[in-house]
Amino acid sequence: MSRRSKLWRAGAAFFVIFNVAGAAYAIAMGEPMHAFTHAVLMTLGLGAYITWRTVQPRRDYATPALSDERLDYLQQSVDALALEVERIGESQRFKEKLDALQQAIPSTKKEE
């Protein structure tokens, strides 16, 4: 359920609860027309919410199908990228190996 839908549901619930409480208060105070107004508003609010929930079209977010040519191109691109990443990794391993060899070989400089 989306955030907007949750907000509408909470708003409708508040509207109905407010009108039920208002109608109860109006009856307790001896105001039948005021209570009737709250009852009508509550009924309209519930009816609108129920109608909105039942008539609202359901959206199906199906993923679009890719053509075979696009899938082949995508596969070739991924393969080429994987090959380049492997070459970079091999280059880094070779450089680390050379650095380790240079550190292992003692310096042959003559001291003056």
N, C-alpha and C. Protein backbone atom coordinates (compact mmCIF):
# COMPACT_ATOMS: atom_id res chain seq x y z
N MET A 1 0.84 -1.16 0.00
CA MET A 1 0.00 0.00 0.00
C MET A 1 0.89 1.23 0.00
N SER A 2 0.56 2.20 -0.84
CA SER A 2 1.39 3.38 -0.95
C SER A 2 1.15 4.33 0.23
N ARG A 3 2.07 5.24 0.38
CA ARG A 3 1.95 6.22 1.48
C ARG A 3 0.71 7.07 1.31
N ARG A 4 0.42 7.46 0.07
CA ARG A 4 -0.75 8.29 -0.20
C ARG A 4 -2.03 7.55 0.17
N SER A 5 -2.09 6.28 -0.15
CA SER A 5 -3.25 5.46 0.18
C SER A 5 -3.43 5.35 1.69
N LYS A 6 -2.31 5.20 2.40
CA LYS A 6 -2.38 5.11 3.86
C LYS A 6 -2.89 6.42 4.45
N LEU A 7 -2.45 7.55 3.89
CA LEU A 7 -2.92 8.84 4.38
C LEU A 7 -4.42 9.01 4.14
N TRP A 8 -4.89 8.60 2.97
CA TRP A 8 -6.33 8.70 2.68
C TRP A 8 -7.13 7.81 3.62
N ARG A 9 -6.61 6.62 3.89
CA ARG A 9 -7.31 5.71 4.81
C ARG A 9 -7.38 6.31 6.21
N ALA A 10 -6.27 6.89 6.66
CA ALA A 10 -6.26 7.51 7.99
C ALA A 10 -7.19 8.71 8.03
N GLY A 11 -7.21 9.50 6.97
CA GLY A 11 -8.11 10.65 6.90
C GLY A 11 -9.58 10.23 6.92
N ALA A 12 -9.91 9.18 6.19
CA ALA A 12 -11.29 8.69 6.17
C ALA A 12 -11.68 8.16 7.54
N ALA A 13 -10.78 7.45 8.19
CA ALA A 13 -11.06 6.93 9.54
C ALA A 13 -11.29 8.08 10.51
N PHE A 14 -10.45 9.10 10.46
CA PHE A 14 -10.62 10.27 11.33
C PHE A 14 -11.95 10.95 11.06
N PHE A 15 -12.31 11.12 9.79
CA PHE A 15 -13.57 11.77 9.40
C PHE A 15 -14.77 11.01 9.98
N VAL A 16 -14.75 9.69 9.85
CA VAL A 16 -15.87 8.88 10.35
C VAL A 16 -15.92 8.94 11.88
N ILE A 17 -14.79 8.78 12.53
CA ILE A 17 -14.76 8.81 14.01
C ILE A 17 -15.23 10.18 14.52
N PHE A 18 -14.77 11.24 13.88
CA PHE A 18 -15.17 12.59 14.27
C PHE A 18 -16.68 12.76 14.15
N ASN A 19 -17.26 12.26 13.07
CA ASN A 19 -18.70 12.43 12.87
C ASN A 19 -19.52 11.52 13.79
N VAL A 20 -19.02 10.33 14.10
CA VAL A 20 -19.72 9.47 15.07
C VAL A 20 -19.72 10.15 16.44
N ALA A 21 -18.56 10.68 16.85
CA ALA A 21 -18.48 11.37 18.14
C ALA A 21 -19.34 12.63 18.14
N GLY A 22 -19.34 13.34 17.03
CA GLY A 22 -20.17 14.55 16.93
C GLY A 22 -21.65 14.22 17.01
N ALA A 23 -22.06 13.14 16.35
CA ALA A 23 -23.47 12.74 16.40
C ALA A 23 -23.85 12.31 17.82
N ALA A 24 -22.98 11.57 18.48
CA ALA A 24 -23.25 11.15 19.85
C ALA A 24 -23.36 12.36 20.77
N TYR A 25 -22.48 13.31 20.61
CA TYR A 25 -22.52 14.52 21.44
C TYR A 25 -23.79 15.33 21.16
N ALA A 26 -24.16 15.45 19.89
CA ALA A 26 -25.37 16.21 19.53
C ALA A 26 -26.61 15.54 20.10
N ILE A 27 -26.65 14.22 20.09
CA ILE A 27 -27.81 13.51 20.67
C ILE A 27 -27.84 13.76 22.18
N ALA A 28 -26.67 13.71 22.82
CA ALA A 28 -26.61 13.92 24.27
C ALA A 28 -27.04 15.34 24.63
N MET A 29 -26.78 16.29 23.75
CA MET A 29 -27.15 17.68 24.03
C MET A 29 -28.59 18.00 23.59
N GLY A 30 -29.27 17.03 23.00
CA GLY A 30 -30.67 17.25 22.60
C GLY A 30 -30.81 18.03 21.31
N GLU A 31 -29.91 17.85 20.39
CA GLU A 31 -29.95 18.55 19.09
C GLU A 31 -30.07 17.52 17.97
N PRO A 32 -31.31 17.12 17.63
CA PRO A 32 -31.48 16.07 16.63
C PRO A 32 -31.03 16.47 15.22
N MET A 33 -31.20 17.73 14.84
CA MET A 33 -30.78 18.14 13.49
C MET A 33 -29.24 18.12 13.38
N HIS A 34 -28.58 18.53 14.44
CA HIS A 34 -27.12 18.50 14.47
C HIS A 34 -26.62 17.05 14.38
N ALA A 35 -27.27 16.15 15.12
CA ALA A 35 -26.91 14.73 15.07
C ALA A 35 -27.18 14.16 13.68
N PHE A 36 -28.29 14.54 13.08
CA PHE A 36 -28.63 14.07 11.74
C PHE A 36 -27.57 14.53 10.73
N THR A 37 -27.10 15.76 10.87
CA THR A 37 -26.07 16.28 9.96
C THR A 37 -24.79 15.45 10.07
N HIS A 38 -24.39 15.13 11.30
CA HIS A 38 -23.20 14.30 11.48
C HIS A 38 -23.41 12.90 10.90
N ALA A 39 -24.61 12.35 11.06
CA ALA A 39 -24.90 11.02 10.52
C ALA A 39 -24.82 11.03 8.99
N VAL A 40 -25.35 12.10 8.36
CA VAL A 40 -25.29 12.21 6.90
C VAL A 40 -23.84 12.35 6.44
N LEU A 41 -23.07 13.19 7.12
CA LEU A 41 -21.67 13.36 6.74
C LEU A 41 -20.88 12.07 6.91
N MET A 42 -21.17 11.33 8.00
CA MET A 42 -20.50 10.07 8.22
C MET A 42 -20.83 9.08 7.11
N THR A 43 -22.10 9.02 6.72
CA THR A 43 -22.54 8.12 5.66
C THR A 43 -21.89 8.50 4.33
N LEU A 44 -21.85 9.80 4.03
CA LEU A 44 -21.22 10.26 2.79
C LEU A 44 -19.72 9.93 2.79
N GLY A 45 -19.07 10.13 3.91
CA GLY A 45 -17.64 9.83 4.00
C GLY A 45 -17.36 8.35 3.81
N LEU A 46 -18.14 7.51 4.50
CA LEU A 46 -17.96 6.06 4.34
C LEU A 46 -18.26 5.62 2.91
N GLY A 47 -19.33 6.15 2.34
CA GLY A 47 -19.70 5.79 0.97
C GLY A 47 -18.63 6.19 -0.03
N ALA A 48 -18.09 7.40 0.15
CA ALA A 48 -17.04 7.86 -0.77
C ALA A 48 -15.79 7.00 -0.65
N TYR A 49 -15.44 6.64 0.58
CA TYR A 49 -14.25 5.82 0.78
C TYR A 49 -14.43 4.43 0.20
N ILE A 50 -15.58 3.82 0.45
CA ILE A 50 -15.85 2.48 -0.08
C ILE A 50 -15.88 2.51 -1.60
N THR A 51 -16.50 3.53 -2.17
CA THR A 51 -16.54 3.67 -3.63
C THR A 51 -15.13 3.84 -4.18
N TRP A 52 -14.32 4.66 -3.54
CA TRP A 52 -12.96 4.89 -4.00
C TRP A 52 -12.15 3.61 -3.96
N ARG A 53 -12.34 2.79 -2.92
CA ARG A 53 -11.61 1.54 -2.81
C ARG A 53 -12.06 0.49 -3.82
N THR A 54 -13.32 0.46 -4.16
CA THR A 54 -13.80 -0.57 -5.08
C THR A 54 -13.67 -0.18 -6.54
N VAL A 55 -13.81 1.10 -6.85
CA VAL A 55 -13.78 1.54 -8.25
C VAL A 55 -12.36 1.84 -8.70
N GLN A 56 -11.47 2.09 -7.79
CA GLN A 56 -10.09 2.44 -8.14
C GLN A 56 -9.46 1.32 -8.97
N PRO A 57 -8.97 1.65 -10.15
CA PRO A 57 -8.37 0.61 -11.00
C PRO A 57 -7.07 0.10 -10.40
N ARG A 58 -6.88 -1.18 -10.50
CA ARG A 58 -5.64 -1.79 -10.03
C ARG A 58 -4.60 -1.66 -11.14
N ARG A 59 -3.42 -1.27 -10.76
CA ARG A 59 -2.37 -1.10 -11.75
C ARG A 59 -1.44 -2.30 -11.71
N ASP A 60 -1.22 -2.88 -12.86
CA ASP A 60 -0.26 -3.97 -12.98
C ASP A 60 0.99 -3.40 -13.63
N TYR A 61 2.07 -3.44 -12.90
CA TYR A 61 3.32 -2.91 -13.41
C TYR A 61 4.14 -4.05 -14.00
N ALA A 62 3.77 -4.46 -15.18
CA ALA A 62 4.49 -5.54 -15.84
C ALA A 62 5.76 -4.96 -16.48
N THR A 63 6.82 -5.72 -16.43
CA THR A 63 8.06 -5.26 -17.03
C THR A 63 7.97 -5.44 -18.55
N PRO A 64 8.40 -4.45 -19.29
CA PRO A 64 8.32 -4.57 -20.74
C PRO A 64 9.32 -5.62 -21.24
N ALA A 65 8.90 -6.35 -22.24
CA ALA A 65 9.76 -7.39 -22.81
C ALA A 65 10.79 -6.73 -23.73
N LEU A 66 12.03 -7.16 -23.62
CA LEU A 66 13.09 -6.64 -24.48
C LEU A 66 13.20 -7.50 -25.73
N SER A 67 13.52 -6.86 -26.81
CA SER A 67 13.67 -7.61 -28.05
C SER A 67 14.95 -8.44 -28.00
N ASP A 68 15.02 -9.45 -28.87
CA ASP A 68 16.19 -10.33 -28.89
C ASP A 68 17.47 -9.57 -29.23
N GLU A 69 17.36 -8.59 -30.13
CA GLU A 69 18.55 -7.82 -30.50
C GLU A 69 19.07 -7.03 -29.31
N ARG A 70 18.16 -6.44 -28.54
CA ARG A 70 18.57 -5.66 -27.38
C ARG A 70 19.18 -6.56 -26.30
N LEU A 71 18.61 -7.74 -26.14
CA LEU A 71 19.16 -8.67 -25.16
C LEU A 71 20.56 -9.14 -25.58
N ASP A 72 20.74 -9.41 -26.88
CA ASP A 72 22.06 -9.81 -27.36
C ASP A 72 23.08 -8.70 -27.16
N TYR A 73 22.68 -7.47 -27.47
CA TYR A 73 23.58 -6.33 -27.30
C TYR A 73 23.94 -6.15 -25.83
N LEU A 74 22.95 -6.30 -24.96
CA LEU A 74 23.19 -6.18 -23.52
C LEU A 74 24.14 -7.27 -23.04
N GLN A 75 23.95 -8.49 -23.52
CA GLN A 75 24.83 -9.60 -23.12
C GLN A 75 26.26 -9.35 -23.59
N GLN A 76 26.42 -8.86 -24.82
CA GLN A 76 27.76 -8.56 -25.33
C GLN A 76 28.42 -7.46 -24.52
N SER A 77 27.64 -6.46 -24.14
CA SER A 77 28.18 -5.36 -23.34
C SER A 77 28.64 -5.86 -21.98
N VAL A 78 27.86 -6.70 -21.35
CA VAL A 78 28.22 -7.25 -20.04
C VAL A 78 29.48 -8.12 -20.16
N ASP A 79 29.55 -8.91 -21.22
CA ASP A 79 30.74 -9.75 -21.43
C ASP A 79 31.99 -8.90 -21.63
N ALA A 80 31.88 -7.84 -22.44
CA ALA A 80 33.02 -6.96 -22.68
C ALA A 80 33.46 -6.26 -21.39
N LEU A 81 32.49 -5.86 -20.59
CA LEU A 81 32.81 -5.21 -19.32
C LEU A 81 33.50 -6.18 -18.37
N ALA A 82 33.03 -7.40 -18.33
CA ALA A 82 33.65 -8.41 -17.47
C ALA A 82 35.09 -8.68 -17.92
N LEU A 83 35.33 -8.72 -19.21
CA LEU A 83 36.68 -8.94 -19.72
C LEU A 83 37.61 -7.80 -19.33
N GLU A 84 37.13 -6.57 -19.43
CA GLU A 84 37.95 -5.41 -19.06
C GLU A 84 38.23 -5.41 -17.56
N VAL A 85 37.28 -5.76 -16.76
CA VAL A 85 37.50 -5.82 -15.31
C VAL A 85 38.54 -6.89 -14.99
N GLU A 86 38.49 -8.02 -15.67
CA GLU A 86 39.48 -9.08 -15.45
C GLU A 86 40.87 -8.60 -15.86
N ARG A 87 40.97 -7.85 -16.94
CA ARG A 87 42.27 -7.32 -17.38
C ARG A 87 42.83 -6.33 -16.35
N ILE A 88 41.97 -5.49 -15.80
CA ILE A 88 42.41 -4.54 -14.78
C ILE A 88 42.91 -5.29 -13.55
N GLY A 89 42.16 -6.30 -13.15
CA GLY A 89 42.58 -7.10 -11.99
C GLY A 89 43.91 -7.79 -12.23
N GLU A 90 44.11 -8.34 -13.42
CA GLU A 90 45.37 -9.00 -13.76
C GLU A 90 46.52 -8.00 -13.74
N SER A 91 46.27 -6.81 -14.25
CA SER A 91 47.30 -5.76 -14.24
C SER A 91 47.68 -5.38 -12.81
N GLN A 92 46.70 -5.26 -11.93
CA GLN A 92 46.99 -4.92 -10.54
C GLN A 92 47.77 -6.03 -9.85
N ARG A 93 47.41 -7.28 -10.11
CA ARG A 93 48.15 -8.40 -9.52
C ARG A 93 49.60 -8.42 -10.00
N PHE A 94 49.81 -8.16 -11.29
CA PHE A 94 51.17 -8.14 -11.84
C PHE A 94 51.99 -7.02 -11.22
N LYS A 95 51.38 -5.83 -11.07
CA LYS A 95 52.09 -4.70 -10.47
C LYS A 95 52.45 -5.00 -9.02
N GLU A 96 51.56 -5.61 -8.26
CA GLU A 96 51.85 -5.97 -6.87
C GLU A 96 52.98 -6.99 -6.81
N LYS A 97 52.99 -7.91 -7.77
CA LYS A 97 54.05 -8.92 -7.81
C LYS A 97 55.40 -8.26 -8.08
N LEU A 98 55.44 -7.31 -9.03
CA LEU A 98 56.67 -6.59 -9.32
C LEU A 98 57.13 -5.77 -8.12
N ASP A 99 56.21 -5.11 -7.45
CA ASP A 99 56.57 -4.32 -6.27
C ASP A 99 57.15 -5.22 -5.18
N ALA A 100 56.56 -6.39 -5.00
CA ALA A 100 57.07 -7.32 -3.99
C ALA A 100 58.46 -7.81 -4.36
N LEU A 101 58.70 -8.07 -5.64
CA LEU A 101 60.03 -8.51 -6.07
C LEU A 101 61.07 -7.42 -5.87
N GLN A 102 60.70 -6.17 -6.19
CA GLN A 102 61.64 -5.07 -6.02
C GLN A 102 62.00 -4.86 -4.56
N GLN A 103 61.05 -5.07 -3.67
CA GLN A 103 61.33 -4.92 -2.24
C GLN A 103 62.17 -6.08 -1.72
N ALA A 104 62.02 -7.25 -2.33
CA ALA A 104 62.76 -8.43 -1.88
C ALA A 104 64.22 -8.37 -2.32
N ILE A 105 64.50 -7.78 -3.46
CA ILE A 105 65.88 -7.70 -3.96
C ILE A 105 66.58 -6.56 -3.22
N PRO A 106 67.73 -6.85 -2.63
CA PRO A 106 68.45 -5.79 -1.91
C PRO A 106 68.99 -4.75 -2.89
N SER A 107 69.12 -3.58 -2.40
CA SER A 107 69.61 -2.48 -3.22
C SER A 107 71.08 -2.73 -3.58
N THR A 108 71.46 -2.51 -4.85
CA THR A 108 72.82 -2.77 -5.33
C THR A 108 73.60 -1.48 -5.53
N LYS A 109 73.17 -0.41 -4.92
CA LYS A 109 73.89 0.86 -5.06
C LYS A 109 75.21 0.79 -4.31
N LYS A 110 76.21 1.37 -4.91
CA LYS A 110 77.52 1.44 -4.27
C LYS A 110 77.58 2.68 -3.40
N GLU A 111 78.10 2.46 -2.24
CA GLU A 111 78.23 3.61 -1.36
C GLU A 111 79.58 4.26 -1.60
N GLU A 112 79.59 5.51 -1.60
CA GLU A 112 80.82 6.26 -1.89
C GLU A 112 81.56 6.63 -0.66
